[in-house]
Protein backbone atom coordinates (compact mmCIF):
# COMPACT_ATOMS: atom_id res chain seq x y z
CA MET A 1 -23.47 36.05 6.60
CA THR A 2 -21.35 33.39 8.75
CA ILE A 3 -18.80 31.21 6.51
CA ASN A 4 -19.35 27.21 8.02
CA ILE A 5 -15.93 25.67 6.75
CA GLY A 6 -15.82 21.55 6.55
CA ILE A 7 -13.00 20.20 7.34
CA ILE A 8 -12.50 16.45 6.31
CA SER A 9 -10.63 14.49 9.59
CA VAL A 10 -10.89 10.80 11.11
CA ARG A 11 -8.82 12.15 13.81
CA GLY A 12 -11.66 14.85 15.40
CA GLU A 13 -11.53 17.83 17.32
CA THR A 14 -8.79 17.77 19.53
CA TYR A 15 -6.09 16.84 16.83
CA HIS A 16 -3.81 19.26 16.20
CA PRO A 17 -4.01 20.90 13.45
CA THR A 18 -8.14 20.57 13.36
CA ARG A 19 -7.72 22.32 16.84
CA ARG A 20 -5.72 24.79 15.81
CA LEU A 21 -8.11 25.34 12.29
CA ILE A 22 -11.07 25.60 14.63
CA GLU A 23 -9.76 28.31 16.58
CA ALA A 24 -8.32 30.38 13.96
CA ALA A 25 -12.20 30.57 12.49
CA VAL A 26 -13.86 30.71 15.85
CA GLN A 27 -11.60 34.59 16.17
CA ARG A 28 -12.40 35.27 12.34
CA GLN A 29 -16.36 34.78 13.46
CA ALA A 30 -16.24 31.79 11.02
CA ARG A 31 -18.25 27.96 11.78
CA VAL A 32 -16.36 24.49 11.32
CA ASN A 33 -17.75 21.25 11.13
CA VAL A 34 -15.53 18.64 11.69
CA ILE A 35 -16.75 15.87 9.08
CA HIS A 36 -15.78 12.55 9.71
CA PRO A 37 -15.34 11.14 5.98
CA TYR A 38 -16.56 7.74 7.50
CA HIS A 39 -20.08 9.22 8.98
CA LEU A 40 -21.69 11.12 5.83
CA LEU A 41 -23.10 9.01 2.33
CA PRO A 42 -22.63 10.90 -0.47
CA ALA A 43 -25.71 10.07 -2.94
CA LEU A 44 -26.97 10.07 -6.23
CA VAL A 45 -30.40 11.03 -6.82
CA ASP A 46 -31.93 11.81 -9.56
CA GLY A 47 -28.20 13.03 -10.73
CA ARG A 48 -27.80 15.28 -8.22
CA ALA A 49 -24.99 14.94 -5.17
CA LEU A 50 -27.12 14.68 -2.26
CA LEU A 51 -25.82 13.55 1.10
CA GLY A 52 -27.99 11.19 2.70
CA ASN A 53 -31.50 11.93 2.82
CA ASP A 54 -30.87 15.49 2.69
CA LYS A 55 -32.95 16.60 -0.50
CA HIS A 56 -31.03 20.54 0.00
CA SER A 57 -27.73 21.74 -0.99
CA ALA A 58 -24.59 20.75 1.47
CA PRO A 59 -24.32 23.32 4.34
CA PHE A 60 -20.46 24.03 3.72
CA ASP A 61 -19.67 27.10 2.45
CA VAL A 62 -15.79 25.79 1.21
CA ILE A 63 -14.76 22.37 2.16
CA LEU A 64 -10.47 21.91 4.03
CA PRO A 65 -9.73 18.07 2.85
CA ARG A 66 -7.54 16.91 6.22
CA GLN A 67 -6.83 13.21 5.45
CA GLY A 68 -3.35 13.67 5.26
CA ALA A 69 -0.95 11.11 3.61
CA GLU A 70 -2.43 8.65 4.41
CA ILE A 71 -5.85 9.16 3.14
CA LYS A 72 -7.32 6.06 2.39
CA THR A 73 -8.99 5.08 -1.20
CA ALA A 74 -12.56 5.04 0.96
CA CYS A 75 -13.17 9.04 2.24
CA LEU A 76 -12.50 10.40 -2.15
CA PRO A 77 -15.95 10.20 -3.19
CA LEU A 78 -16.50 12.33 -0.22
CA VAL A 79 -14.02 14.57 -1.76
CA ALA A 80 -15.98 14.08 -5.16
CA HIS A 81 -19.32 14.40 -3.68
CA PHE A 82 -18.18 18.55 -2.56
CA GLU A 83 -16.68 19.28 -5.98
CA GLN A 84 -19.41 17.92 -7.40
CA ALA A 85 -22.01 20.25 -5.31
CA GLY A 86 -20.38 22.97 -6.35
CA ILE A 87 -18.35 23.34 -3.08
CA PRO A 88 -15.09 24.68 -3.41
CA VAL A 89 -12.36 21.97 -1.91
CA ILE A 90 -9.00 23.13 -1.15
CA ASN A 91 -7.26 20.46 -1.96
CA GLY A 92 -9.48 19.23 -4.95
CA LEU A 93 -9.38 15.57 -6.05
CA GLN A 94 -7.13 15.43 -8.76
CA ALA A 95 -4.60 17.03 -6.73
CA ILE A 96 -4.91 14.91 -4.27
CA LEU A 97 -4.89 11.71 -6.11
CA THR A 98 -1.23 13.08 -7.78
CA VAL A 99 -0.29 14.05 -4.09
CA ARG A 100 -0.59 10.57 -2.28
CA HIS A 101 1.80 8.27 -4.48
CA LYS A 102 5.02 9.70 -3.93
CA TYR A 103 6.15 8.84 -6.94
CA LEU A 104 3.10 9.68 -9.76
CA ALA A 105 4.08 13.43 -7.74
CA LEU A 106 7.08 13.15 -9.18
CA GLN A 107 6.37 12.87 -12.41
CA VAL A 108 4.44 15.41 -12.48
CA LEU A 109 6.94 17.60 -11.52
CA ALA A 110 9.86 16.19 -13.57
CA ALA A 111 7.14 17.12 -16.55
CA ALA A 112 6.76 20.62 -14.95
CA GLY A 113 10.71 20.61 -15.63
CA LEU A 114 11.02 20.90 -11.65
CA PRO A 115 14.70 19.55 -10.22
CA VAL A 116 13.51 16.15 -8.45
CA PRO A 117 15.93 13.49 -7.11
CA ASP A 118 17.09 10.75 -8.84
CA THR A 119 14.14 7.98 -8.25
CA VAL A 120 13.66 4.05 -9.50
CA TYR A 121 10.26 3.08 -8.83
CA LEU A 122 10.23 -0.58 -7.86
CA ALA A 123 6.82 -2.84 -7.98
CA GLU A 124 8.61 -6.15 -7.58
CA ALA A 125 11.72 -7.32 -4.83
CA ALA A 126 13.08 -9.42 -7.82
CA ARG A 127 14.23 -6.30 -9.47
CA PHE A 128 15.58 -4.27 -6.64
CA GLU A 129 19.41 -5.38 -7.26
CA ALA A 130 18.06 -4.31 -11.12
CA ALA A 131 16.57 -0.88 -9.87
CA LEU A 132 20.09 0.03 -8.20
CA GLU A 133 21.53 -0.10 -11.82
CA HIS A 134 20.09 3.15 -12.32
CA LEU A 135 21.59 4.54 -8.99
CA PRO A 136 25.12 6.05 -8.44
CA PRO A 137 27.04 3.43 -6.12
CA GLY A 138 26.64 3.92 -2.48
CA PRO A 139 23.87 3.80 -0.26
CA VAL A 140 20.20 3.90 -0.95
CA VAL A 141 16.98 5.60 0.72
CA VAL A 142 14.19 3.18 0.43
CA LYS A 143 10.63 4.76 0.73
CA PRO A 144 7.06 3.84 0.84
CA ILE A 145 4.60 5.32 -1.92
CA SER A 146 2.50 7.27 0.79
CA GLY A 147 3.32 7.73 4.08
CA ARG A 148 3.60 10.44 6.71
CA GLN A 149 5.95 12.09 9.97
CA GLY A 150 9.41 9.81 7.70
CA THR A 151 7.63 6.63 8.96
CA GLY A 152 8.73 3.33 6.43
CA ILE A 153 12.03 5.14 5.69
CA VAL A 154 15.47 3.17 5.32
CA CYS A 155 19.15 4.02 4.36
CA LEU A 156 20.23 1.48 2.91
CA GLN A 157 24.38 0.33 2.65
CA PRO A 158 25.76 -1.38 -0.39
CA GLY A 159 25.05 -5.02 -0.21
CA GLN A 160 22.45 -4.75 2.24
CA SER A 161 19.09 -6.51 0.93
CA LEU A 162 14.99 -5.06 1.70
CA PRO A 163 13.83 -5.45 4.53
CA ALA A 164 10.82 -6.99 5.34
CA GLN A 165 9.02 -4.00 5.90
CA CYS A 166 9.74 -2.61 2.49
CA GLU A 167 8.85 -6.89 1.38
CA ALA A 168 5.30 -5.91 2.32
CA GLU A 169 4.87 -2.94 0.92
CA LEU A 170 5.64 -4.51 -2.32
CA ASP A 171 3.59 -7.60 -1.69
CA GLN A 172 0.47 -5.41 -0.60
CA GLY A 173 1.08 -4.30 -4.52
CA ARG A 174 1.79 -0.52 -3.35
CA GLY A 175 5.58 0.14 -4.63
CA LEU A 176 8.74 1.83 -3.77
CA LEU A 177 10.56 4.75 -4.27
CA LEU A 178 14.72 4.11 -3.89
CA GLN A 179 16.71 7.11 -3.94
CA THR A 180 20.60 8.18 -4.25
CA PHE A 181 21.16 8.65 -0.18
CA ILE A 182 22.08 12.35 0.59
CA ALA A 183 24.26 12.88 4.39
CA PRO A 184 22.69 15.10 5.66
CA GLU A 185 25.69 17.38 6.15
CA ARG A 186 25.95 18.08 2.41
CA ARG A 187 22.11 19.42 1.89
CA GLN A 188 19.90 21.47 3.93
CA ASP A 189 15.77 20.31 3.99
CA VAL A 190 13.37 23.03 4.23
CA ARG A 191 9.55 22.56 4.55
CA ALA A 192 7.77 25.80 2.91
CA LEU A 193 4.16 26.29 2.89
CA VAL A 194 2.74 27.61 0.12
CA ILE A 195 -1.17 29.15 0.56
CA GLY A 196 -2.54 30.88 -2.36
CA GLY A 197 0.56 30.50 -4.90
CA ARG A 198 3.08 32.36 -2.48
CA VAL A 199 5.16 31.41 0.24
CA ALA A 200 4.05 31.39 3.97
CA GLY A 201 6.79 30.71 5.92
CA ALA A 202 9.44 28.24 6.04
CA MET A 203 11.81 26.32 8.10
CA VAL A 204 14.74 24.17 8.47
CA LEU A 205 15.01 21.06 9.62
CA THR A 206 18.46 19.79 11.17
CA PRO A 207 18.13 16.05 11.77
CA GLN A 208 19.32 14.13 15.23
CA ALA A 209 22.70 13.26 15.35
CA GLY A 210 22.83 9.14 13.84
CA GLU A 211 19.10 10.33 12.20
CA PHE A 212 19.32 11.25 9.05
CA ARG A 213 15.92 11.97 7.58
CA ALA A 214 15.18 15.24 8.78
CA ASN A 215 11.05 15.40 10.10
CA PHE A 216 9.52 17.74 13.03
CA HIS A 217 7.93 14.58 14.39
CA LEU A 218 11.17 12.37 14.84
CA GLY A 219 12.85 15.45 16.53
CA SER A 220 14.18 16.70 14.31
CA GLU A 221 15.77 20.46 15.31
CA SER A 222 13.79 23.66 13.29
CA ARG A 223 14.39 27.19 13.20
CA PRO A 224 12.87 29.83 10.46
CA VAL A 225 14.24 30.87 7.33
CA THR A 226 13.71 33.00 4.30
CA LEU A 227 13.69 31.78 1.23
CA SER A 228 15.81 32.99 -1.59
CA ALA A 229 14.12 34.52 -4.15
CA GLN A 230 14.76 31.01 -6.37
CA ALA A 231 13.76 28.76 -3.61
CA ALA A 232 10.14 30.43 -3.44
CA ARG A 233 9.68 30.91 -7.30
CA THR A 234 10.40 26.35 -7.26
CA ALA A 235 8.12 25.85 -4.34
CA VAL A 236 5.78 28.06 -5.73
CA ALA A 237 5.91 25.63 -8.76
CA ALA A 238 5.71 23.10 -7.32
CA ALA A 239 2.86 23.54 -6.14
CA GLU A 240 1.22 24.88 -8.69
CA ALA A 241 2.65 21.80 -11.22
CA VAL A 242 0.49 19.39 -8.60
CA GLY A 243 -2.56 21.28 -8.32
CA LEU A 244 -2.51 22.01 -5.27
CA GLU A 245 -3.95 25.54 -3.31
CA ILE A 246 -2.46 24.79 -0.10
CA ALA A 247 1.11 22.90 -0.20
CA GLY A 248 3.64 21.19 2.21
CA VAL A 249 6.78 21.75 0.06
CA ASP A 250 9.67 19.58 0.49
CA LEU A 251 12.97 21.15 -0.90
CA MET A 252 16.08 19.87 -0.61
CA LEU A 253 19.22 22.92 -1.21
CA LEU A 254 22.24 21.32 -1.91
CA LYS A 255 26.47 22.51 -0.76
CA ASP A 256 26.71 22.76 -4.82
CA ASN A 257 23.28 25.23 -4.57
CA ARG A 258 21.47 22.92 -6.47
CA GLN A 259 18.03 22.22 -4.85
CA LEU A 260 15.50 19.51 -5.19
CA VAL A 261 11.33 19.02 -4.72
CA ILE A 262 11.97 15.97 -2.33
CA GLU A 263 7.72 15.70 -1.56
CA ILE A 264 4.82 17.83 -1.22
CA ASN A 265 2.24 17.26 0.71
CA TYR A 266 -1.49 18.11 0.57
CA ALA A 267 -2.60 18.51 3.87
CA PRO A 268 0.76 19.56 5.73
CA GLY A 269 0.74 19.28 9.76
CA PHE A 270 2.09 23.29 10.97
CA ARG A 271 2.42 22.60 14.67
CA GLY A 272 6.86 22.86 13.66
CA LEU A 273 6.40 25.50 11.06
CA GLU A 274 4.32 27.64 14.32
CA GLN A 275 6.87 26.88 17.05
CA ALA A 276 9.95 27.71 14.58
CA THR A 277 8.22 30.88 13.26
CA GLY A 278 5.99 32.64 15.32
CA LEU A 279 3.68 32.46 12.95
CA ASP A 280 0.08 31.78 12.84
CA VAL A 281 -0.80 29.68 9.88
CA ALA A 282 -3.59 28.23 10.98
CA GLY A 283 -5.55 31.87 10.87
CA THR A 284 -3.59 32.30 7.23
CA ILE A 285 -4.98 28.67 5.88
CA ILE A 286 -8.44 30.20 7.50
CA ASP A 287 -7.65 33.63 5.88
CA TYR A 288 -7.72 31.99 2.24
CA ALA A 289 -10.32 29.70 3.24
CA LEU A 290 -12.87 32.47 3.77
CA SER A 291 -11.83 34.58 0.67
CA ARG A 292 -12.05 31.31 -1.58
CA SER A 293 -15.84 30.84 -0.57
CA ARG A 294 -16.37 34.74 -0.83
CA THR A 295 -14.99 34.49 -3.93
CA GLU A 296 -17.18 30.99 -5.20
CA ALA A 297 -20.00 33.00 -3.31
CA GLY A 298 -19.65 36.37 -5.49
């Protein structure tokens, strides 16, 4: 029987992660349908979850939501629909709801005993100076609660005010994260990909000269790395804490041998990881999705 994998994405089949996942699925004799989340009509008819006028169960064997960090609220009912229909969803709605808000994710990670950076959540600009009192003197990093590829992240020197883009986030009621700045020379930035409770691959990202953000899409140098047993355990524990089966876990390994879980992503891009490591990341994701589908079917 051919396994039918549904990939929820607004970006279409040519978007790199989606294209690579399709290629990997075809190699494994599986079928992929790219689902635009706004084009389907989740419905409840006589208490049953249906898609529009479809009177039968959805034809998918497993679902991969891939909207990423900027997933809109309008997409969430479709994820819940597939879960209610009894279809395996990787990753599920509750985990997505947690990690789409960076501070909520940090709260869950800290509650699980995992090391996270000192962070203050700011909801209004008038409380900015008061928020800084909870952090050591020096530069601070300001982050939006949701974002991708390092966008919207700024570093403020002592005495600087919030820039307009940050105030706009607050005006929209989205909030901001304030964190102590750690210079690139005092840290090693690692992206670990966790799939099914194990680290499937990892890379070190080194920011370009004059740039403090370590992100592949910002031109950071990437190279493969084998994580220490401790770092691998932390990455896996972070994914488990927020309920993710597939997760991009951003670790910061400090020169004093401390480690921090900086961020976690439910639909990580993997172009940089495949280029740095030579691993077939797309194939590993598809293999896991197929195994979940067969497990549920069995």
